[in-house]
Amino acid sequence: MAIDPKTLEAALAKIPDKCILVNAASRRAAELSRGARPLVPVSPQDELSYLDIALRELADERILVKIPED
């Protein structure tokens, strides 16, 4: 199962730093795999991975990431 390119693009638009996006999405995907409830609507027919759900949540700004200033 591959990551949905549109969801990835939408998430990158919100969090352009790929390292931060990967860290945020992987942490959230781990939470989802341990039973956390998704913050976006998910249908069983969608067959989304935890990573896809996490990216959707980030793209929809359901999860906010604090990006440190340099």
Protein backbone atom coordinates (compact mmCIF):
# COMPACT_ATOMS: atom_id res chain seq x y z
CA MET A 1 0.00 0.00 0.00
CA ALA A 2 1.55 3.30 -1.11
CA ILE A 3 1.11 6.73 0.38
CA ASP A 4 -1.51 8.81 -1.40
CA PRO A 5 0.43 11.48 -3.36
CA LYS A 6 -2.29 14.12 -2.94
CA THR A 7 -2.30 13.68 0.83
CA LEU A 8 1.49 13.89 0.92
CA GLU A 9 1.48 17.09 -1.15
CA ALA A 10 -1.16 18.64 1.11
CA ALA A 11 0.86 17.76 4.21
CA LEU A 12 4.05 19.16 2.64
CA ALA A 13 2.19 22.40 1.93
CA LYS A 14 1.51 22.75 5.66
CA ILE A 15 4.91 21.45 6.86
CA PRO A 16 7.49 22.10 4.13
CA ASP A 17 10.43 20.71 6.11
CA LYS A 18 10.48 17.02 5.14
CA CYS A 19 12.40 15.95 8.27
CA ILE A 20 9.83 17.54 10.57
CA LEU A 21 6.96 16.13 8.51
CA VAL A 22 8.39 12.61 8.65
CA ASN A 23 8.93 12.82 12.41
CA ALA A 24 5.45 14.22 13.09
CA ALA A 25 3.69 11.74 10.80
CA SER A 26 5.59 8.73 12.13
CA ARG A 27 4.90 9.67 15.76
CA ARG A 28 1.20 10.11 15.03
CA ALA A 29 1.07 6.87 13.02
CA ALA A 30 2.58 5.06 16.01
CA GLU A 31 -0.10 6.57 18.27
CA LEU A 32 -2.80 5.42 15.86
CA SER A 33 -1.35 1.91 15.77
CA ARG A 34 -1.58 1.80 19.57
CA GLY A 35 -5.29 2.63 19.44
CA ALA A 36 -5.55 6.42 19.31
CA ARG A 37 -8.68 7.63 17.56
CA PRO A 38 -8.25 9.31 14.18
CA LEU A 39 -8.97 13.04 14.15
CA VAL A 40 -10.25 12.91 10.56
CA PRO A 41 -13.17 10.89 9.19
CA VAL A 42 -12.02 7.41 8.17
CA SER A 43 -14.16 4.75 6.53
CA PRO A 44 -13.21 1.06 6.71
CA GLN A 45 -13.62 0.92 2.92
CA ASP A 46 -10.82 3.50 2.53
CA GLU A 47 -8.17 0.94 3.56
CA LEU A 48 -5.83 3.71 4.70
CA SER A 49 -2.59 3.02 6.52
CA TYR A 50 -1.86 4.71 9.84
CA LEU A 51 0.66 6.88 8.00
CA ASP A 52 -1.98 8.03 5.48
CA ILE A 53 -4.31 8.94 8.32
CA ALA A 54 -1.53 10.82 10.13
CA LEU A 55 -0.67 12.76 6.95
CA ARG A 56 -4.35 13.66 6.47
CA GLU A 57 -4.53 14.90 10.05
CA LEU A 58 -1.44 17.06 9.48
CA ALA A 59 -2.73 18.36 6.14
CA ASP A 60 -6.10 19.24 7.71
CA GLU A 61 -4.31 20.92 10.64
CA ARG A 62 -5.96 18.60 13.13
CA ILE A 63 -2.48 18.15 14.57
CA LEU A 64 -0.26 21.16 14.90
CA VAL A 65 3.51 20.94 14.83
CA LYS A 66 5.63 23.55 16.51
CA ILE A 67 8.55 24.27 14.21
CA PRO A 68 11.59 25.66 16.04
CA GLU A 69 12.93 28.95 14.81
CA ASP A 70 16.58 29.15 13.85
